[in-house]
Amino acid sequence: KETNAQEGNSKDWEYIRVEGLGIWPGLICPHYDIIQSNGVPRMTDFDQMMKRHPYEIGIGIDHHAALEVNGDDFRILSIPGETGSVDVDNSGSKVPGAWIKFVDDDGTLHSKTCPSRGKLTDLLQMLDDPAKHLLLDEKVKVCRKENP
């Protein structure tokens, strides 16, 4: 896999949950299949973040893939010939794509390959009160202070 770490420039850090642009009512992890500058695969950190936010739905989008939203419809785009994390035909040959993730009431994380296209509402976890579940990480204030 590709890595974003530059030799001698690795830094210890961790993800925190921030509100983002408010387009998606849950968590999104771009570059899902890449190893981060801290040496940890993003998918590993994202799984841990999902467990800290069990009422949310998550989507992990590979480095060479994109989620396109057009009204009520979505599709997953990818660059042909590039490697990703999705084994579409169980051949071991992996292509760029996306994953839908959620944590059940027992705390088990579930992952499934995102369909290549469909209705946006099919991807979303319906919550009675989304504001109650879309919580900021406690470390946001510290991060904002250290990174003005």
C-alpha atoms as a PDB file:
ATOM      1  CA  LYS A   1       0.000   0.000   0.000  1.00  0.00           C
ATOM      2  CA  GLU A   2       0.958   3.609  -0.422  1.00  0.00           C
ATOM      3  CA  THR A   3       2.084   5.571   2.568  1.00  0.00           C
ATOM      4  CA  ASN A   4       1.952   9.234   3.416  1.00  0.00           C
ATOM      5  CA  ALA A   5       4.897   8.959   5.805  1.00  0.00           C
ATOM      6  CA  GLN A   6       8.036  10.741   4.759  1.00  0.00           C
ATOM      7  CA  GLU A   7      11.269   9.193   5.989  1.00  0.00           C
ATOM      8  CA  GLY A   8      12.271  10.762   9.295  1.00  0.00           C
ATOM      9  CA  ASN A   9       9.096  12.863   9.380  1.00  0.00           C
ATOM     10  CA  SER A  10       6.729  10.439  11.119  1.00  0.00           C
ATOM     11  CA  LYS A  11       4.657  11.968  13.894  1.00  0.00           C
ATOM     12  CA  ASP A  12       2.565  10.330  16.600  1.00  0.00           C
ATOM     13  CA  TRP A  13      -1.050  11.519  16.402  1.00  0.00           C
ATOM     14  CA  GLU A  14      -4.599  10.186  16.478  1.00  0.00           C
ATOM     15  CA  TYR A  15      -7.939  10.925  14.841  1.00  0.00           C
ATOM     16  CA  ILE A  16     -10.603  12.975  16.549  1.00  0.00           C
ATOM     17  CA  ARG A  17     -14.211  13.426  15.497  1.00  0.00           C
ATOM     18  CA  VAL A  18     -15.088  16.921  14.204  1.00  0.00           C
ATOM     19  CA  GLU A  19     -18.295  18.212  12.675  1.00  0.00           C
ATOM     20  CA  GLY A  20     -16.963  18.721   9.127  1.00  0.00           C
ATOM     21  CA  LEU A  21     -19.203  20.318   6.520  1.00  0.00           C
ATOM     22  CA  GLY A  22     -22.454  18.766   7.729  1.00  0.00           C
ATOM     23  CA  ILE A  23     -23.106  17.001   4.417  1.00  0.00           C
ATOM     24  CA  TRP A  24     -23.034  13.477   5.849  1.00  0.00           C
ATOM     25  CA  PRO A  25     -24.752  12.600   9.143  1.00  0.00           C
ATOM     26  CA  GLY A  26     -21.989  10.334  10.347  1.00  0.00           C
ATOM     27  CA  LEU A  27     -18.292   9.651   9.891  1.00  0.00           C
ATOM     28  CA  ILE A  28     -16.327   9.698   6.637  1.00  0.00           C
ATOM     29  CA  CYS A  29     -12.791   8.433   6.190  1.00  0.00           C
ATOM     30  CA  PRO A  30     -11.112   9.458   2.925  1.00  0.00           C
ATOM     31  CA  HIS A  31      -7.988   7.583   1.793  1.00  0.00           C
ATOM     32  CA  TYR A  32      -9.347   4.606   3.743  1.00  0.00           C
ATOM     33  CA  ASP A  33      -6.830   2.106   2.313  1.00  0.00           C
ATOM     34  CA  ILE A  34      -3.692   4.206   2.960  1.00  0.00           C
ATOM     35  CA  ILE A  35      -1.109   3.965   5.737  1.00  0.00           C
ATOM     36  CA  GLN A  36      -0.954   7.286   7.597  1.00  0.00           C
ATOM     37  CA  SER A  37       2.069   9.350   8.557  1.00  0.00           C
ATOM     38  CA  ASN A  38       1.868   7.831  12.048  1.00  0.00           C
ATOM     39  CA  GLY A  39       2.407   4.374  10.491  1.00  0.00           C
ATOM     40  CA  VAL A  40      -1.123   3.124  11.236  1.00  0.00           C
ATOM     41  CA  PRO A  41      -3.505   2.097   8.427  1.00  0.00           C
ATOM     42  CA  ARG A  42      -6.379   4.582   8.246  1.00  0.00           C
ATOM     43  CA  MET A  43      -8.886   1.728   8.188  1.00  0.00           C
ATOM     44  CA  THR A  44      -7.590   0.602  11.603  1.00  0.00           C
ATOM     45  CA  ASP A  45      -7.979   4.068  13.136  1.00  0.00           C
ATOM     46  CA  PHE A  46     -11.380   4.495  11.484  1.00  0.00           C
ATOM     47  CA  ASP A  47     -12.634   1.215  12.974  1.00  0.00           C
ATOM     48  CA  GLN A  48     -11.556   2.426  16.425  1.00  0.00           C
ATOM     49  CA  MET A  49     -13.311   5.764  15.852  1.00  0.00           C
ATOM     50  CA  MET A  50     -16.491   3.928  14.847  1.00  0.00           C
ATOM     51  CA  LYS A  51     -16.395   2.016  18.129  1.00  0.00           C
ATOM     52  CA  ARG A  52     -16.168   5.336  20.019  1.00  0.00           C
ATOM     53  CA  HIS A  53     -19.225   6.624  18.067  1.00  0.00           C
ATOM     54  CA  PRO A  54     -21.499   3.569  17.931  1.00  0.00           C
ATOM     55  CA  TYR A  55     -24.701   5.407  16.970  1.00  0.00           C
ATOM     56  CA  GLU A  56     -23.271   6.723  13.729  1.00  0.00           C
ATOM     57  CA  ILE A  57     -22.866   5.208  10.317  1.00  0.00           C
ATOM     58  CA  GLY A  58     -19.442   5.447   8.703  1.00  0.00           C
ATOM     59  CA  ILE A  59     -18.154   5.307   5.188  1.00  0.00           C
ATOM     60  CA  GLY A  60     -14.539   4.554   4.319  1.00  0.00           C
ATOM     61  CA  ILE A  61     -13.560   5.754   0.834  1.00  0.00           C
ATOM     62  CA  ASP A  62     -10.375   4.390  -0.719  1.00  0.00           C
ATOM     63  CA  HIS A  63      -7.571   6.663  -1.920  1.00  0.00           C
ATOM     64  CA  HIS A  64      -8.433   6.217  -5.615  1.00  0.00           C
ATOM     65  CA  ALA A  65     -12.210   6.360  -5.151  1.00  0.00           C
ATOM     66  CA  ALA A  66     -14.875   8.999  -4.573  1.00  0.00           C
ATOM     67  CA  LEU A  67     -18.460   9.202  -3.406  1.00  0.00           C
ATOM     68  CA  GLU A  68     -20.510  11.301  -5.833  1.00  0.00           C
ATOM     69  CA  VAL A  69     -23.881  12.566  -4.614  1.00  0.00           C
ATOM     70  CA  ASN A  70     -26.401  13.882  -7.140  1.00  0.00           C
ATOM     71  CA  GLY A  71     -29.699  14.777  -5.493  1.00  0.00           C
ATOM     72  CA  ASP A  72     -31.052  11.585  -3.921  1.00  0.00           C
ATOM     73  CA  ASP A  73     -28.667   9.315  -5.834  1.00  0.00           C
ATOM     74  CA  PHE A  74     -25.057   8.322  -5.239  1.00  0.00           C
ATOM     75  CA  ARG A  75     -22.368   6.422  -7.055  1.00  0.00           C
ATOM     76  CA  ILE A  76     -18.847   5.310  -6.222  1.00  0.00           C
ATOM     77  CA  LEU A  77     -16.246   6.439  -8.744  1.00  0.00           C
ATOM     78  CA  SER A  78     -12.770   4.947  -9.032  1.00  0.00           C
ATOM     79  CA  ILE A  79      -9.661   5.258 -11.153  1.00  0.00           C
ATOM     80  CA  PRO A  80      -9.297   2.202 -13.405  1.00  0.00           C
ATOM     81  CA  GLY A  81      -6.084   0.235 -12.948  1.00  0.00           C
ATOM     82  CA  GLU A  82      -5.465   1.450  -9.391  1.00  0.00           C
ATOM     83  CA  THR A  83      -5.393  -0.790  -6.310  1.00  0.00           C
ATOM     84  CA  GLY A  84      -7.843  -0.426  -3.435  1.00  0.00           C
ATOM     85  CA  SER A  85      -9.416  -2.450  -0.633  1.00  0.00           C
ATOM     86  CA  VAL A  86     -12.455  -3.970  -2.377  1.00  0.00           C
ATOM     87  CA  ASP A  87     -12.305  -7.537  -3.723  1.00  0.00           C
ATOM     88  CA  VAL A  88     -15.293  -7.403  -6.084  1.00  0.00           C
ATOM     89  CA  ASP A  89     -15.100 -10.943  -7.451  1.00  0.00           C
ATOM     90  CA  ASN A  90     -13.290 -12.838  -4.641  1.00  0.00           C
ATOM     91  CA  SER A  91     -10.235 -13.211  -6.885  1.00  0.00           C
ATOM     92  CA  GLY A  92      -7.865 -11.423  -4.521  1.00  0.00           C
ATOM     93  CA  SER A  93      -7.516  -8.562  -7.006  1.00  0.00           C
ATOM     94  CA  LYS A  94      -8.584  -5.450  -5.113  1.00  0.00           C
ATOM     95  CA  VAL A  95      -9.946  -2.254  -6.645  1.00  0.00           C
ATOM     96  CA  PRO A  96     -10.739   1.196  -5.198  1.00  0.00           C
ATOM     97  CA  GLY A  97     -14.167   1.464  -3.604  1.00  0.00           C
ATOM     98  CA  ALA A  98     -15.956   2.279  -0.380  1.00  0.00           C
ATOM     99  CA  TRP A  99     -17.151   0.561   2.798  1.00  0.00           C
ATOM    100  CA  ILE A 100     -20.227   1.114   4.949  1.00  0.00           C
ATOM    101  CA  LYS A 101     -19.632   0.593   8.672  1.00  0.00           C
ATOM    102  CA  PHE A 102     -21.775   0.545  11.787  1.00  0.00           C
ATOM    103  CA  VAL A 103     -21.580  -0.720  15.355  1.00  0.00           C
ATOM    104  CA  ASP A 104     -24.459  -2.854  16.659  1.00  0.00           C
ATOM    105  CA  ASP A 105     -25.972  -2.735  20.157  1.00  0.00           C
ATOM    106  CA  ASP A 106     -23.484  -5.376  21.335  1.00  0.00           C
ATOM    107  CA  GLY A 107     -20.519  -3.201  20.291  1.00  0.00           C
ATOM    108  CA  THR A 108     -19.613  -5.318  17.254  1.00  0.00           C
ATOM    109  CA  LEU A 109     -18.331  -3.381  14.258  1.00  0.00           C
ATOM    110  CA  HIS A 110     -19.863  -4.426  10.933  1.00  0.00           C
ATOM    111  CA  SER A 111     -18.420  -3.617   7.511  1.00  0.00           C
ATOM    112  CA  LYS A 112     -19.862  -4.202   4.082  1.00  0.00           C
ATOM    113  CA  THR A 113     -18.848  -3.099   0.645  1.00  0.00           C
ATOM    114  CA  CYS A 114     -20.720  -0.014  -0.475  1.00  0.00           C
ATOM    115  CA  PRO A 115     -22.849  -0.622  -3.579  1.00  0.00           C
ATOM    116  CA  SER A 116     -21.493   1.076  -6.696  1.00  0.00           C
ATOM    117  CA  ARG A 117     -24.662   3.165  -7.016  1.00  0.00           C
ATOM    118  CA  GLY A 118     -28.064   3.662  -5.461  1.00  0.00           C
ATOM    119  CA  LYS A 119     -30.238   5.936  -3.366  1.00  0.00           C
ATOM    120  CA  LEU A 120     -28.477   8.052  -0.753  1.00  0.00           C
ATOM    121  CA  THR A 121     -31.129   7.219   1.838  1.00  0.00           C
ATOM    122  CA  ASP A 122     -30.146   3.543   1.543  1.00  0.00           C
ATOM    123  CA  LEU A 123     -26.691   4.427   2.916  1.00  0.00           C
ATOM    124  CA  LEU A 124     -27.897   6.426   5.870  1.00  0.00           C
ATOM    125  CA  GLN A 125     -28.721   5.091   9.292  1.00  0.00           C
ATOM    126  CA  MET A 126     -32.013   6.576  10.347  1.00  0.00           C
ATOM    127  CA  LEU A 127     -31.806   8.064  13.842  1.00  0.00           C
ATOM    128  CA  ASP A 128     -34.680   9.515  15.879  1.00  0.00           C
ATOM    129  CA  ASP A 129     -32.485  12.418  16.969  1.00  0.00           C
ATOM    130  CA  PRO A 130     -29.252  12.689  14.925  1.00  0.00           C
ATOM    131  CA  ALA A 131     -28.031  15.679  16.984  1.00  0.00           C
ATOM    132  CA  LYS A 132     -27.942  13.438  20.055  1.00  0.00           C
ATOM    133  CA  HIS A 133     -25.564  11.044  18.333  1.00  0.00           C
ATOM    134  CA  LEU A 134     -23.317  13.370  16.319  1.00  0.00           C
ATOM    135  CA  LEU A 135     -20.980  14.234  19.149  1.00  0.00           C
ATOM    136  CA  LEU A 136     -17.676  16.039  18.951  1.00  0.00           C
ATOM    137  CA  ASP A 137     -14.606  14.341  20.308  1.00  0.00           C
ATOM    138  CA  GLU A 138     -13.489  15.781  23.653  1.00  0.00           C
ATOM    139  CA  LYS A 139     -10.101  16.598  22.113  1.00  0.00           C
ATOM    140  CA  VAL A 140     -11.481  19.079  19.541  1.00  0.00           C
ATOM    141  CA  LYS A 141     -10.836  22.157  21.722  1.00  0.00           C
ATOM    142  CA  VAL A 142      -7.218  21.103  22.347  1.00  0.00           C
ATOM    143  CA  CYS A 143      -6.664  20.379  18.653  1.00  0.00           C
ATOM    144  CA  ARG A 144      -8.091  23.734  17.601  1.00  0.00           C
ATOM    145  CA  LYS A 145      -5.912  25.544  20.138  1.00  0.00           C
ATOM    146  CA  GLU A 146      -2.760  23.757  18.918  1.00  0.00           C
ATOM    147  CA  ASN A 147      -3.649  24.199  15.214  1.00  0.00           C
ATOM    148  CA  PRO A 148      -5.075  27.724  14.774  1.00  0.00           C
END
